[in-house]
Amino acid sequence: MEEYFRSTRPFWKDIYEQNGIDGTLYRLRRDRVNAIVDSLGLPTGSQALEIGCGMGLISVGLARRGYHVNAVDIEMGMIESVRRLATEAKVSNRLIGQVGDVHHLDFRDNTFDMVIAIGVLEWVPSLAQPLSEMTRVLKPGGHLIVNVDNAWALHCLLDPLKSGVSAPAKRLARRMLEKMGAIRVAAHPGRCSIRRLDAAIAAAGLRKIHGTTCGFGPFSFLSRTVLPDRLGVRVHNFLQRRADRGIPVLRSAGEVYLVLARK
């Protein structure tokens, strides 16, 4: 996993600046997270933890709000990037960056008022241990913001190779080929249903406050993109507006399932 994120670091650095559908979706996810943070109205000086901080955009944004932030990532290059960004933003006095693993967080129980893990649970083999660790370090009454890639996202349902129906068979085939040495063992993001994440959050002792999906695309068929970027962005905007109005099916069919929970 560490090797994968080290090798793809340029992608994570540039993706938020891209004008196409991928950049649009990543910016939307970030903006939705920031909106949830602002809705909480936490006081200045609150203790915040971001797990999987990546290049540090969310962590630095938290520090700019006056929170004391611990930014954790599995890859040292990401930590170096978030430290540089914090220095440029003049918030390094409120931000600590360190290497860490979501399965074994190096913090005491009941430390943080808010824990954020965006783009993390897609990469873990099981939800139970990471959510248990996040719950442990949250203060009573503290808030958790997490996401998964939605197993029943609309663009997956429309592509037979991405459909949730075929996912178990694909995972089995990949594991067999990896064991045989036919393909290299590599990091693979996974998808999760809304129901499964909700159940895991409840099992960790948290109460879900709100859950929503967002992001539509990129649309493909047999894993080949079928819409050019400009049209893909227009289709996404059209569908997202209707999902935000609570249109049945669409409101649960976004690419990202984003949840706010409380301990």
C-alpha atoms as a PDB file:
ATOM      1  CA  MET A   1       0.000   0.000   0.000  1.00  0.00           C
ATOM      2  CA  GLU A   2       2.771   2.423   0.917  1.00  0.00           C
ATOM      3  CA  GLU A   3       4.542   1.639  -2.363  1.00  0.00           C
ATOM      4  CA  TYR A   4       1.361   2.281  -4.321  1.00  0.00           C
ATOM      5  CA  PHE A   5       0.764   5.727  -2.828  1.00  0.00           C
ATOM      6  CA  ARG A   6       4.425   6.633  -3.205  1.00  0.00           C
ATOM      7  CA  SER A   7       4.329   5.782  -6.907  1.00  0.00           C
ATOM      8  CA  THR A   8       1.043   7.644  -7.496  1.00  0.00           C
ATOM      9  CA  ARG A   9       1.907  10.762  -5.487  1.00  0.00           C
ATOM     10  CA  PRO A  10       1.916  13.061  -8.571  1.00  0.00           C
ATOM     11  CA  PHE A  11      -1.688  12.022  -9.289  1.00  0.00           C
ATOM     12  CA  TRP A  12      -2.862  13.024  -5.795  1.00  0.00           C
ATOM     13  CA  LYS A  13      -0.973  16.297  -6.072  1.00  0.00           C
ATOM     14  CA  ASP A  14      -2.586  17.327  -9.367  1.00  0.00           C
ATOM     15  CA  ILE A  15      -6.059  15.799  -9.336  1.00  0.00           C
ATOM     16  CA  TYR A  16      -7.805  18.697  -7.580  1.00  0.00           C
ATOM     17  CA  GLU A  17      -6.601  21.122 -10.252  1.00  0.00           C
ATOM     18  CA  GLN A  18      -7.835  19.115 -13.232  1.00  0.00           C
ATOM     19  CA  ASN A  19     -10.798  20.454 -15.198  1.00  0.00           C
ATOM     20  CA  GLY A  20     -12.194  17.083 -16.298  1.00  0.00           C
ATOM     21  CA  ILE A  21     -14.665  14.761 -14.619  1.00  0.00           C
ATOM     22  CA  ASP A  22     -12.128  13.248 -12.191  1.00  0.00           C
ATOM     23  CA  GLY A  23     -11.043  16.643 -10.878  1.00  0.00           C
ATOM     24  CA  THR A  24     -14.679  17.724 -10.636  1.00  0.00           C
ATOM     25  CA  LEU A  25     -15.586  14.697  -8.516  1.00  0.00           C
ATOM     26  CA  TYR A  26     -12.621  15.025  -6.171  1.00  0.00           C
ATOM     27  CA  ARG A  27     -13.319  18.726  -5.610  1.00  0.00           C
ATOM     28  CA  LEU A  28     -16.973  17.959  -4.912  1.00  0.00           C
ATOM     29  CA  ARG A  29     -16.016  15.351  -2.311  1.00  0.00           C
ATOM     30  CA  ARG A  30     -13.624  17.791  -0.637  1.00  0.00           C
ATOM     31  CA  ASP A  31     -16.211  20.590  -0.658  1.00  0.00           C
ATOM     32  CA  ARG A  32     -18.883  18.315   0.844  1.00  0.00           C
ATOM     33  CA  VAL A  33     -16.493  17.342   3.647  1.00  0.00           C
ATOM     34  CA  ASN A  34     -15.690  20.998   4.346  1.00  0.00           C
ATOM     35  CA  ALA A  35     -19.400  21.826   4.426  1.00  0.00           C
ATOM     36  CA  ILE A  36     -19.992  19.096   7.021  1.00  0.00           C
ATOM     37  CA  VAL A  37     -17.086  20.392   9.116  1.00  0.00           C
ATOM     38  CA  ASP A  38     -18.495  23.930   9.027  1.00  0.00           C
ATOM     39  CA  SER A  39     -21.974  22.705   9.953  1.00  0.00           C
ATOM     40  CA  LEU A  40     -20.618  21.270  13.222  1.00  0.00           C
ATOM     41  CA  GLY A  41     -19.591  24.690  14.511  1.00  0.00           C
ATOM     42  CA  LEU A  42     -16.747  23.324  16.627  1.00  0.00           C
ATOM     43  CA  PRO A  43     -15.002  25.967  18.746  1.00  0.00           C
ATOM     44  CA  THR A  44     -11.538  27.298  17.938  1.00  0.00           C
ATOM     45  CA  GLY A  45      -8.889  25.080  19.479  1.00  0.00           C
ATOM     46  CA  SER A  46     -10.812  21.840  18.952  1.00  0.00           C
ATOM     47  CA  GLN A  47      -8.677  18.746  18.414  1.00  0.00           C
ATOM     48  CA  ALA A  48      -8.992  17.248  14.911  1.00  0.00           C
ATOM     49  CA  LEU A  49      -7.442  14.177  13.313  1.00  0.00           C
ATOM     50  CA  GLU A  50      -7.311  13.510   9.584  1.00  0.00           C
ATOM     51  CA  ILE A  51      -6.361   9.958   8.629  1.00  0.00           C
ATOM     52  CA  GLY A  52      -5.092   9.486   5.094  1.00  0.00           C
ATOM     53  CA  CYS A  53      -4.356  13.199   4.778  1.00  0.00           C
ATOM     54  CA  GLY A  54      -2.720  12.851   1.365  1.00  0.00           C
ATOM     55  CA  MET A  55      -1.337  16.177   0.154  1.00  0.00           C
ATOM     56  CA  GLY A  56      -3.018  17.932   3.087  1.00  0.00           C
ATOM     57  CA  LEU A  57      -5.753  20.138   1.619  1.00  0.00           C
ATOM     58  CA  ILE A  58      -8.352  19.192   4.220  1.00  0.00           C
ATOM     59  CA  SER A  59      -5.889  19.169   7.128  1.00  0.00           C
ATOM     60  CA  VAL A  60      -4.575  22.627   6.299  1.00  0.00           C
ATOM     61  CA  GLY A  61      -8.153  23.850   5.885  1.00  0.00           C
ATOM     62  CA  LEU A  62      -8.924  22.596   9.392  1.00  0.00           C
ATOM     63  CA  ALA A  63      -5.894  24.391  10.798  1.00  0.00           C
ATOM     64  CA  ARG A  64      -6.995  27.593   9.056  1.00  0.00           C
ATOM     65  CA  ARG A  65     -10.291  27.284  10.934  1.00  0.00           C
ATOM     66  CA  GLY A  66      -8.335  27.439  14.172  1.00  0.00           C
ATOM     67  CA  TYR A  67      -8.370  23.723  15.019  1.00  0.00           C
ATOM     68  CA  HIS A  68      -5.335  21.849  16.334  1.00  0.00           C
ATOM     69  CA  VAL A  69      -4.762  19.167  13.707  1.00  0.00           C
ATOM     70  CA  ASN A  70      -2.955  15.860  13.589  1.00  0.00           C
ATOM     71  CA  ALA A  71      -2.491  14.753   9.970  1.00  0.00           C
ATOM     72  CA  VAL A  72      -1.677  11.068   9.477  1.00  0.00           C
ATOM     73  CA  ASP A  73      -0.773   9.162   6.330  1.00  0.00           C
ATOM     74  CA  ILE A  74       0.882   5.847   5.581  1.00  0.00           C
ATOM     75  CA  GLU A  75       3.339   7.430   3.134  1.00  0.00           C
ATOM     76  CA  MET A  76       6.119   9.735   4.327  1.00  0.00           C
ATOM     77  CA  GLY A  77       6.138  11.770   1.120  1.00  0.00           C
ATOM     78  CA  MET A  78       2.540  12.768   1.770  1.00  0.00           C
ATOM     79  CA  ILE A  79       3.473  13.923   5.281  1.00  0.00           C
ATOM     80  CA  GLU A  80       6.306  16.023   3.901  1.00  0.00           C
ATOM     81  CA  SER A  81       3.835  17.604   1.461  1.00  0.00           C
ATOM     82  CA  VAL A  82       1.298  18.451   4.142  1.00  0.00           C
ATOM     83  CA  ARG A  83       4.024  20.005   6.291  1.00  0.00           C
ATOM     84  CA  ARG A  84       5.145  22.192   3.379  1.00  0.00           C
ATOM     85  CA  LEU A  85       1.561  23.231   2.662  1.00  0.00           C
ATOM     86  CA  ALA A  86       1.027  24.084   6.335  1.00  0.00           C
ATOM     87  CA  THR A  87       4.175  26.218   6.353  1.00  0.00           C
ATOM     88  CA  GLU A  88       3.060  28.069   3.202  1.00  0.00           C
ATOM     89  CA  ALA A  89      -0.356  28.666   4.775  1.00  0.00           C
ATOM     90  CA  LYS A  90       1.282  29.854   8.021  1.00  0.00           C
ATOM     91  CA  VAL A  91      -0.576  27.267  10.130  1.00  0.00           C
ATOM     92  CA  SER A  92       2.317  24.916  10.952  1.00  0.00           C
ATOM     93  CA  ASN A  93       1.968  25.869  14.632  1.00  0.00           C
ATOM     94  CA  ARG A  94      -1.455  24.191  14.628  1.00  0.00           C
ATOM     95  CA  LEU A  95      -0.663  21.131  12.491  1.00  0.00           C
ATOM     96  CA  ILE A  96       1.378  18.020  13.247  1.00  0.00           C
ATOM     97  CA  GLY A  97       2.043  15.586  10.399  1.00  0.00           C
ATOM     98  CA  GLN A  98       3.123  12.021  11.092  1.00  0.00           C
ATOM     99  CA  VAL A  99       3.227   8.598   9.494  1.00  0.00           C
ATOM    100  CA  GLY A 100       0.563   6.270  10.847  1.00  0.00           C
ATOM    101  CA  ASP A 101      -1.736   3.340  10.143  1.00  0.00           C
ATOM    102  CA  VAL A 102      -5.510   3.499  10.549  1.00  0.00           C
ATOM    103  CA  HIS A 103      -5.455  -0.005  12.027  1.00  0.00           C
ATOM    104  CA  HIS A 104      -3.226   1.085  14.936  1.00  0.00           C
ATOM    105  CA  LEU A 105      -3.523   4.798  15.678  1.00  0.00           C
ATOM    106  CA  ASP A 106      -0.783   6.134  17.950  1.00  0.00           C
ATOM    107  CA  PHE A 107      -3.071   8.297  20.077  1.00  0.00           C
ATOM    108  CA  ARG A 108      -4.689   7.940  23.475  1.00  0.00           C
ATOM    109  CA  ASP A 109      -8.337   7.117  23.977  1.00  0.00           C
ATOM    110  CA  ASN A 110     -10.804  10.024  23.866  1.00  0.00           C
ATOM    111  CA  THR A 111      -8.360  12.513  22.313  1.00  0.00           C
ATOM    112  CA  PHE A 112     -10.152  14.158  19.391  1.00  0.00           C
ATOM    113  CA  ASP A 113     -13.298  16.228  18.914  1.00  0.00           C
ATOM    114  CA  MET A 114     -13.400  15.236  15.238  1.00  0.00           C
ATOM    115  CA  VAL A 115     -11.875  12.463  13.128  1.00  0.00           C
ATOM    116  CA  ILE A 116     -11.912  12.568   9.323  1.00  0.00           C
ATOM    117  CA  ALA A 117     -10.962   9.662   7.052  1.00  0.00           C
ATOM    118  CA  ILE A 118     -11.662  10.389   3.387  1.00  0.00           C
ATOM    119  CA  GLY A 119     -10.434   8.003   0.707  1.00  0.00           C
ATOM    120  CA  VAL A 120      -9.259   5.536   3.360  1.00  0.00           C
ATOM    121  CA  LEU A 121     -11.869   2.819   3.883  1.00  0.00           C
ATOM    122  CA  GLU A 122     -11.750   1.894   0.193  1.00  0.00           C
ATOM    123  CA  TRP A 123      -8.263   0.483   0.802  1.00  0.00           C
ATOM    124  CA  VAL A 124      -8.748  -1.629   3.926  1.00  0.00           C
ATOM    125  CA  PRO A 125      -9.600  -5.358   3.908  1.00  0.00           C
ATOM    126  CA  SER A 126     -12.157  -4.950   6.698  1.00  0.00           C
ATOM    127  CA  LEU A 127     -14.055  -1.985   8.137  1.00  0.00           C
ATOM    128  CA  ALA A 128     -14.182  -3.240  11.714  1.00  0.00           C
ATOM    129  CA  GLN A 129     -10.644  -2.524  13.004  1.00  0.00           C
ATOM    130  CA  PRO A 130     -10.249   0.934  11.384  1.00  0.00           C
ATOM    131  CA  LEU A 131     -13.653   2.090  12.651  1.00  0.00           C
ATOM    132  CA  SER A 132     -12.904   0.672  16.095  1.00  0.00           C
ATOM    133  CA  GLU A 133      -9.648   2.660  16.222  1.00  0.00           C
ATOM    134  CA  MET A 134     -11.342   5.865  15.064  1.00  0.00           C
ATOM    135  CA  THR A 135     -14.036   5.421  17.681  1.00  0.00           C
ATOM    136  CA  ARG A 136     -11.437   4.782  20.384  1.00  0.00           C
ATOM    137  CA  VAL A 137      -9.580   8.056  19.800  1.00  0.00           C
ATOM    138  CA  LEU A 138     -12.779  10.132  19.560  1.00  0.00           C
ATOM    139  CA  LYS A 139     -13.976  11.952  22.640  1.00  0.00           C
ATOM    140  CA  PRO A 140     -17.506  11.115  23.842  1.00  0.00           C
ATOM    141  CA  GLY A 141     -19.751  13.293  21.712  1.00  0.00           C
ATOM    142  CA  GLY A 142     -17.027  13.639  19.077  1.00  0.00           C
ATOM    143  CA  HIS A 143     -17.786  13.484  15.354  1.00  0.00           C
ATOM    144  CA  LEU A 144     -16.550  11.126  12.654  1.00  0.00           C
ATOM    145  CA  ILE A 145     -16.615  11.918   8.925  1.00  0.00           C
ATOM    146  CA  VAL A 146     -15.857   8.972   6.617  1.00  0.00           C
ATOM    147  CA  ASN A 147     -16.632   7.776   3.128  1.00  0.00           C
ATOM    148  CA  VAL A 148     -16.585   4.708   0.918  1.00  0.00           C
ATOM    149  CA  ASP A 149     -16.853   4.260  -2.814  1.00  0.00           C
ATOM    150  CA  ASN A 150     -20.486   3.269  -3.353  1.00  0.00           C
ATOM    151  CA  ALA A 151     -20.882  -0.318  -4.553  1.00  0.00           C
ATOM    152  CA  TRP A 152     -24.138   0.649  -6.245  1.00  0.00           C
ATOM    153  CA  ALA A 153     -23.017   3.861  -7.904  1.00  0.00           C
ATOM    154  CA  LEU A 154     -24.930   4.575 -11.103  1.00  0.00           C
ATOM    155  CA  HIS A 155     -21.909   4.495 -13.367  1.00  0.00           C
ATOM    156  CA  CYS A 156     -20.962   1.058 -11.984  1.00  0.00           C
ATOM    157  CA  LEU A 157     -24.441  -0.329 -12.549  1.00  0.00           C
ATOM    158  CA  LEU A 158     -24.256   0.727 -16.204  1.00  0.00           C
ATOM    159  CA  ASP A 159     -20.937  -1.034 -16.856  1.00  0.00           C
ATOM    160  CA  PRO A 160     -20.982  -4.863 -16.661  1.00  0.00           C
ATOM    161  CA  LEU A 161     -17.306  -4.945 -15.652  1.00  0.00           C
ATOM    162  CA  LYS A 162     -17.895  -2.577 -12.715  1.00  0.00           C
ATOM    163  CA  SER A 163     -21.252  -3.861 -11.535  1.00  0.00           C
ATOM    164  CA  GLY A 164     -21.557  -4.929  -7.925  1.00  0.00           C
ATOM    165  CA  VAL A 165     -23.103  -8.171  -9.158  1.00  0.00           C
ATOM    166  CA  SER A 166     -19.829  -9.218 -10.786  1.00  0.00           C
ATOM    167  CA  ALA A 167     -17.529  -7.899  -8.053  1.00  0.00           C
ATOM    168  CA  PRO A 168     -17.229 -11.148  -5.978  1.00  0.00           C
ATOM    169  CA  ALA A 169     -16.285 -13.164  -9.057  1.00  0.00           C
ATOM    170  CA  LYS A 170     -13.685 -10.574 -10.083  1.00  0.00           C
ATOM    171  CA  ARG A 171     -12.137 -10.518  -6.604  1.00  0.00           C
ATOM    172  CA  LEU A 172     -11.921 -14.323  -6.556  1.00  0.00           C
ATOM    173  CA  ALA A 173     -10.339 -14.439 -10.001  1.00  0.00           C
ATOM    174  CA  ARG A 174      -7.790 -11.772  -9.081  1.00  0.00           C
ATOM    175  CA  ARG A 175      -6.802 -13.564  -5.861  1.00  0.00           C
ATOM    176  CA  MET A 176      -6.335 -16.844  -7.751  1.00  0.00           C
ATOM    177  CA  LEU A 177      -4.178 -15.192 -10.422  1.00  0.00           C
ATOM    178  CA  GLU A 178      -2.090 -13.434  -7.775  1.00  0.00           C
ATOM    179  CA  LYS A 179      -1.493 -16.712  -5.917  1.00  0.00           C
ATOM    180  CA  MET A 180      -0.494 -18.400  -9.180  1.00  0.00           C
ATOM    181  CA  GLY A 181       1.930 -15.582  -9.916  1.00  0.00           C
ATOM    182  CA  ALA A 182       0.146 -14.755 -13.146  1.00  0.00           C
ATOM    183  CA  ILE A 183      -0.343 -11.149 -12.049  1.00  0.00           C
ATOM    184  CA  ARG A 184       1.440  -8.977  -9.521  1.00  0.00           C
ATOM    185  CA  VAL A 185      -0.085  -8.517  -6.076  1.00  0.00           C
ATOM    186  CA  ALA A 186      -1.138  -4.875  -5.982  1.00  0.00           C
ATOM    187  CA  ALA A 187      -3.245  -2.443  -3.991  1.00  0.00           C
ATOM    188  CA  HIS A 188      -6.847  -2.364  -5.156  1.00  0.00           C
ATOM    189  CA  PRO A 189      -9.559   0.014  -3.928  1.00  0.00           C
ATOM    190  CA  GLY A 190     -12.772  -1.742  -2.990  1.00  0.00           C
ATOM    191  CA  ARG A 191     -16.411  -0.711  -3.008  1.00  0.00           C
ATOM    192  CA  CYS A 192     -18.905  -0.898  -0.176  1.00  0.00           C
ATOM    193  CA  SER A 193     -22.680  -0.704  -0.009  1.00  0.00           C
ATOM    194  CA  ILE A 194     -24.469   1.975   1.978  1.00  0.00           C
ATOM    195  CA  ARG A 195     -26.023  -0.684   4.184  1.00  0.00           C
ATOM    196  CA  ARG A 196     -22.694  -2.324   4.960  1.00  0.00           C
ATOM    197  CA  LEU A 197     -21.007   0.926   6.029  1.00  0.00           C
ATOM    198  CA  ASP A 198     -24.012   1.932   8.144  1.00  0.00           C
ATOM    199  CA  ALA A 199     -23.918  -1.439   9.885  1.00  0.00           C
ATOM    200  CA  ALA A 200     -20.170  -1.180  10.518  1.00  0.00           C
ATOM    201  CA  ILE A 201     -20.542   2.312  11.984  1.00  0.00           C
ATOM    202  CA  ALA A 202     -23.262   1.097  14.341  1.00  0.00           C
ATOM    203  CA  ALA A 203     -21.174  -1.952  15.322  1.00  0.00           C
ATOM    204  CA  ALA A 204     -18.300   0.392  16.247  1.00  0.00           C
ATOM    205  CA  GLY A 205     -20.574   2.132  18.767  1.00  0.00           C
ATOM    206  CA  LEU A 206     -21.275   5.244  16.715  1.00  0.00           C
ATOM    207  CA  ARG A 207     -24.580   6.883  15.822  1.00  0.00           C
ATOM    208  CA  LYS A 208     -25.062   7.923  12.230  1.00  0.00           C
ATOM    209  CA  ILE A 209     -26.227  11.536  11.975  1.00  0.00           C
ATOM    210  CA  HIS A 210     -26.374  11.943   8.230  1.00  0.00           C
ATOM    211  CA  GLY A 211     -25.417  10.082   5.079  1.00  0.00           C
ATOM    212  CA  THR A 212     -25.437  11.185   1.464  1.00  0.00           C
ATOM    213  CA  THR A 213     -24.008  10.178  -1.894  1.00  0.00           C
ATOM    214  CA  CYS A 214     -22.399  12.478  -4.427  1.00  0.00           C
ATOM    215  CA  GLY A 215     -20.592  12.307  -7.747  1.00  0.00           C
ATOM    216  CA  PHE A 216     -21.727  10.746 -11.010  1.00  0.00           C
ATOM    217  CA  GLY A 217     -19.214   9.249 -13.394  1.00  0.00           C
ATOM    218  CA  PRO A 218     -16.962   8.801 -15.192  1.00  0.00           C
ATOM    219  CA  PHE A 219     -19.365   6.749 -17.302  1.00  0.00           C
ATOM    220  CA  SER A 220     -17.918   3.779 -19.155  1.00  0.00           C
ATOM    221  CA  PHE A 221     -18.827   0.551 -20.892  1.00  0.00           C
ATOM    222  CA  LEU A 222     -16.577  -2.485 -20.509  1.00  0.00           C
ATOM    223  CA  SER A 223     -14.257  -0.153 -18.563  1.00  0.00           C
ATOM    224  CA  ARG A 224     -13.829   2.211 -21.526  1.00  0.00           C
ATOM    225  CA  THR A 225     -14.894   5.812 -20.989  1.00  0.00           C
ATOM    226  CA  VAL A 226     -17.824   6.693 -23.254  1.00  0.00           C
ATOM    227  CA  LEU A 227     -18.239  10.408 -22.518  1.00  0.00           C
ATOM    228  CA  PRO A 228     -15.638  13.107 -23.210  1.00  0.00           C
ATOM    229  CA  ASP A 229     -14.689  15.119 -20.144  1.00  0.00           C
ATOM    230  CA  ARG A 230     -16.747  18.213 -20.909  1.00  0.00           C
ATOM    231  CA  LEU A 231     -19.910  16.206 -21.538  1.00  0.00           C
ATOM    232  CA  GLY A 232     -19.166  13.976 -18.549  1.00  0.00           C
ATOM    233  CA  VAL A 233     -19.047  17.032 -16.282  1.00  0.00           C
ATOM    234  CA  ARG A 234     -22.363  18.289 -17.683  1.00  0.00           C
ATOM    235  CA  VAL A 235     -24.020  14.900 -17.102  1.00  0.00           C
ATOM    236  CA  HIS A 236     -22.616  14.787 -13.572  1.00  0.00           C
ATOM    237  CA  ASN A 237     -23.944  18.281 -12.781  1.00  0.00           C
ATOM    238  CA  PHE A 238     -27.387  17.377 -14.165  1.00  0.00           C
ATOM    239  CA  LEU A 239     -27.621  14.203 -12.081  1.00  0.00           C
ATOM    240  CA  GLN A 240     -26.115  15.748  -8.944  1.00  0.00           C
ATOM    241  CA  ARG A 241     -28.684  18.551  -8.865  1.00  0.00           C
ATOM    242  CA  ARG A 242     -31.458  15.985  -8.951  1.00  0.00           C
ATOM    243  CA  ALA A 243     -29.804  13.778  -6.361  1.00  0.00           C
ATOM    244  CA  ASP A 244     -29.519  16.789  -4.049  1.00  0.00           C
ATOM    245  CA  ARG A 245     -33.260  17.312  -4.424  1.00  0.00           C
ATOM    246  CA  GLY A 246     -33.812  13.799  -3.093  1.00  0.00           C
ATOM    247  CA  ILE A 247     -34.935  12.168  -6.332  1.00  0.00           C
ATOM    248  CA  PRO A 248     -35.401   8.432  -5.588  1.00  0.00           C
ATOM    249  CA  VAL A 249     -32.641   6.131  -6.874  1.00  0.00           C
ATOM    250  CA  LEU A 250     -30.373   9.038  -7.805  1.00  0.00           C
ATOM    251  CA  ARG A 251     -29.998  10.177  -4.196  1.00  0.00           C
ATOM    252  CA  SER A 252     -28.401   6.802  -3.382  1.00  0.00           C
ATOM    253  CA  ALA A 253     -26.494   6.286  -6.635  1.00  0.00           C
ATOM    254  CA  GLY A 254     -23.579   8.707  -6.341  1.00  0.00           C
ATOM    255  CA  GLU A 255     -19.978   7.537  -6.560  1.00  0.00           C
ATOM    256  CA  VAL A 256     -19.143   8.470  -2.953  1.00  0.00           C
ATOM    257  CA  TYR A 257     -21.140   7.622   0.153  1.00  0.00           C
ATOM    258  CA  LEU A 258     -20.261  10.216   2.790  1.00  0.00           C
ATOM    259  CA  VAL A 259     -21.296   9.802   6.428  1.00  0.00           C
ATOM    260  CA  LEU A 260     -21.308  11.968   9.530  1.00  0.00           C
ATOM    261  CA  ALA A 261     -21.508   9.966  12.772  1.00  0.00           C
ATOM    262  CA  ARG A 262     -21.179  10.737  16.468  1.00  0.00           C
ATOM    263  CA  LYS A 263     -19.748   8.836  19.419  1.00  0.00           C
END
